[in-house]
Amino acid sequence: MPRPCLPAGRSRLNGMAGRKADLVIISTLPGSPCRVGGELPIGETFMYELTVLSHFSGAHRLRSLHGRCEGLHGHNWKIEVCVTSSRLGKEGVVIDFGILKEKLAQALKELDHAYLNDLSYFTKREPSSENIAKFIYEGLRTGLKGQPARIKSVTAWESETACATYLGSKR
């Protein structure tokens, strides 16, 4: 059952003390949609949200879809990465934008100007925007270990009007 949105800047925890709970984060940015975050310990809230954008070009075939997307075609994907944190580091930032952009560039390096179907990650799964977002999320999760920033979401835009967002899985 969908949860109603709360006023901007508010959150709702569902669970008991000492347990993990789903947290609904309401962005404080005007016009931002309500989004569901990941698991957090009871009492912890995200106060900071950073977003960086990047691009890559690649070709793919969606083997299981019948129609135009089954044939070889390409996109200039726009990738949007959102990280959150409940605190700032000693430098007064969640993470240096330069570091976050560098980690994203490393995650995109394998995808850029590639035939995605040939990559080992996509041999048993479709190289869809959904799976591309998950691939990038997993690469960034590893690359950001030790940072106060947590990945909230990765969005893969395959056109100006169509995207897929991966929010991570429950642990």
Protein backbone atom coordinates (compact mmCIF):
# COMPACT_ATOMS: atom_id res chain seq x y z
CA MET A 1 0.00 0.00 0.00
CA PRO A 2 1.52 3.38 -0.96
CA ARG A 3 2.48 5.68 1.86
CA PRO A 4 1.28 9.27 1.77
CA CYS A 5 3.86 12.01 1.36
CA LEU A 6 4.71 14.10 4.37
CA PRO A 7 5.48 17.82 4.30
CA ALA A 8 8.91 18.72 2.91
CA GLY A 9 11.78 17.90 5.22
CA ARG A 10 9.81 15.39 7.32
CA SER A 11 10.29 11.65 7.51
CA ARG A 12 8.39 8.67 8.87
CA LEU A 13 9.94 5.62 10.46
CA ASN A 14 8.05 2.34 10.59
CA GLY A 15 9.47 -0.09 13.10
CA MET A 16 10.55 -0.52 16.68
CA ALA A 17 13.56 0.83 18.57
CA GLY A 18 16.76 -1.06 17.86
CA ARG A 19 15.47 -2.54 14.62
CA LYS A 20 15.97 -1.58 11.02
CA ALA A 21 13.13 0.31 9.40
CA ASP A 22 12.15 1.64 6.03
CA LEU A 23 12.55 5.38 5.93
CA VAL A 24 10.51 7.62 3.70
CA ILE A 25 12.62 10.63 2.76
CA ILE A 26 10.80 13.70 1.59
CA SER A 27 13.08 15.97 -0.40
CA THR A 28 13.24 19.59 0.67
CA LEU A 29 13.70 20.65 -2.94
CA PRO A 30 10.60 22.33 -4.41
CA GLY A 31 8.88 20.11 -6.93
CA SER A 32 10.83 16.97 -5.95
CA PRO A 33 8.77 13.76 -5.86
CA CYS A 34 8.50 11.67 -2.72
CA ARG A 35 11.08 8.90 -2.78
CA VAL A 36 11.61 5.85 -0.64
CA GLY A 37 15.10 5.50 0.81
CA GLY A 38 16.92 2.41 2.01
CA GLU A 39 17.17 0.79 5.43
CA LEU A 40 18.39 2.89 8.33
CA PRO A 41 18.75 2.25 12.05
CA ILE A 42 15.84 3.68 14.03
CA GLY A 43 16.43 7.34 14.83
CA GLU A 44 18.87 8.03 11.97
CA THR A 45 17.76 10.44 9.29
CA PHE A 46 19.41 11.78 6.19
CA MET A 47 19.94 15.53 6.34
CA TYR A 48 22.06 16.00 3.22
CA GLU A 49 21.48 14.92 -0.36
CA LEU A 50 23.95 15.43 -3.22
CA THR A 51 23.39 14.69 -6.91
CA VAL A 52 25.91 14.44 -9.74
CA LEU A 53 25.29 13.83 -13.43
CA SER A 54 27.38 12.16 -16.10
CA HIS A 55 26.93 10.58 -19.53
CA PHE A 56 28.02 7.60 -21.54
CA SER A 57 27.27 6.27 -25.02
CA GLY A 58 26.65 2.61 -25.70
CA ALA A 59 24.85 0.13 -27.90
CA HIS A 60 22.70 -2.83 -26.91
CA ARG A 61 19.98 -5.25 -27.91
CA LEU A 62 17.15 -6.18 -25.58
CA ARG A 63 16.92 -9.89 -26.36
CA SER A 64 13.65 -10.58 -24.55
CA LEU A 65 11.68 -7.65 -25.93
CA HIS A 66 10.06 -8.18 -29.26
CA GLY A 67 9.95 -5.08 -31.41
CA ARG A 68 12.27 -2.20 -32.19
CA CYS A 69 14.42 -2.57 -29.06
CA GLU A 70 15.29 -6.16 -29.95
CA GLY A 71 17.47 -4.89 -32.78
CA LEU A 72 20.88 -3.34 -32.32
CA HIS A 73 20.57 0.31 -31.29
CA GLY A 74 22.30 2.83 -29.06
CA HIS A 75 21.69 5.59 -26.59
CA ASN A 76 23.49 8.54 -25.08
CA TRP A 77 22.59 7.71 -21.48
CA LYS A 78 22.49 10.43 -18.83
CA ILE A 79 23.34 9.03 -15.41
CA GLU A 80 22.13 10.71 -12.23
CA VAL A 81 23.60 9.60 -8.90
CA CYS A 82 22.14 10.73 -5.60
CA VAL A 83 23.98 10.18 -2.31
CA THR A 84 22.82 11.03 1.19
CA SER A 85 24.34 11.41 4.63
CA SER A 86 23.21 12.27 8.12
CA ARG A 87 26.47 14.13 8.79
CA LEU A 88 29.23 16.15 7.23
CA GLY A 89 32.85 15.03 7.21
CA LYS A 90 35.57 17.04 8.96
CA GLU A 91 35.96 19.09 5.75
CA GLY A 92 32.39 20.35 6.12
CA VAL A 93 31.05 18.34 3.14
CA VAL A 94 29.36 14.96 2.69
CA ILE A 95 31.85 14.07 -0.04
CA ASP A 96 33.93 16.18 -2.38
CA PHE A 97 32.00 16.48 -5.65
CA GLY A 98 35.27 15.77 -7.48
CA ILE A 99 35.67 12.42 -5.69
CA LEU A 100 32.05 11.47 -6.37
CA LYS A 101 32.40 12.38 -10.06
CA GLU A 102 35.68 10.41 -10.28
CA LYS A 103 34.05 7.31 -8.73
CA LEU A 104 31.14 7.65 -11.16
CA ALA A 105 33.54 8.00 -14.11
CA GLN A 106 35.27 4.79 -13.01
CA ALA A 107 31.91 2.98 -12.85
CA LEU A 108 30.99 4.24 -16.34
CA LYS A 109 34.35 3.47 -17.97
CA GLU A 110 33.41 -0.12 -18.84
CA LEU A 111 30.07 1.00 -20.35
CA ASP A 112 31.22 3.94 -22.47
CA HIS A 113 31.34 3.24 -26.22
CA ALA A 114 30.73 -0.46 -25.57
CA TYR A 115 28.36 -3.04 -26.95
CA LEU A 116 26.72 -3.72 -23.58
CA ASN A 117 25.54 -7.23 -24.47
CA ASP A 118 29.21 -8.31 -24.65
CA LEU A 119 30.00 -7.28 -21.06
CA SER A 120 30.09 -10.17 -18.57
CA TYR A 121 27.54 -8.47 -16.29
CA PHE A 122 24.96 -8.52 -19.09
CA THR A 123 25.49 -12.03 -20.48
CA LYS A 124 22.68 -13.44 -18.31
CA ARG A 125 20.63 -10.28 -17.82
CA GLU A 126 19.22 -7.75 -20.22
CA PRO A 127 21.29 -4.57 -20.70
CA SER A 128 18.16 -2.54 -19.91
CA SER A 129 18.19 0.88 -18.30
CA GLU A 130 17.04 -0.82 -15.08
CA ASN A 131 20.02 -3.20 -15.07
CA ILE A 132 22.42 -0.47 -16.17
CA ALA A 133 21.34 1.62 -13.16
CA LYS A 134 21.90 -1.42 -10.88
CA PHE A 135 25.34 -2.09 -12.43
CA ILE A 136 26.42 1.49 -11.74
CA TYR A 137 24.93 1.43 -8.22
CA GLU A 138 26.91 -1.71 -7.36
CA GLY A 139 30.12 -0.24 -8.76
CA LEU A 140 29.67 2.97 -6.79
CA ARG A 141 28.76 1.16 -3.58
CA THR A 142 32.16 -0.54 -3.67
CA GLY A 143 33.95 2.67 -4.67
CA LEU A 144 32.41 4.74 -1.86
CA LYS A 145 33.28 2.43 1.04
CA GLY A 146 34.68 4.45 3.92
CA GLN A 147 32.90 7.64 2.86
CA PRO A 148 30.06 9.14 4.96
CA ALA A 149 27.91 9.25 1.81
CA ARG A 150 25.45 6.44 1.11
CA ILE A 151 24.07 5.87 -2.37
CA LYS A 152 20.38 6.69 -2.40
CA SER A 153 19.71 6.07 -6.08
CA VAL A 154 21.12 5.75 -9.56
CA THR A 155 18.96 6.84 -12.48
CA ALA A 156 19.75 5.91 -16.08
CA TRP A 157 18.07 8.22 -18.62
CA GLU A 158 18.01 6.58 -22.06
CA SER A 159 16.19 9.54 -23.59
CA GLU A 160 14.89 12.91 -22.47
CA THR A 161 11.58 11.33 -21.53
CA ALA A 162 12.43 7.82 -20.25
CA CYS A 163 14.53 6.66 -17.32
CA ALA A 164 14.90 3.86 -14.79
CA THR A 165 16.01 4.29 -11.17
CA TYR A 166 17.66 1.71 -8.93
CA LEU A 167 17.26 2.31 -5.19
CA GLY A 168 19.31 -0.61 -3.90
CA SER A 169 18.07 -3.78 -2.30
CA LYS A 170 17.18 -4.48 1.30
CA ARG A 171 20.08 -6.01 3.14
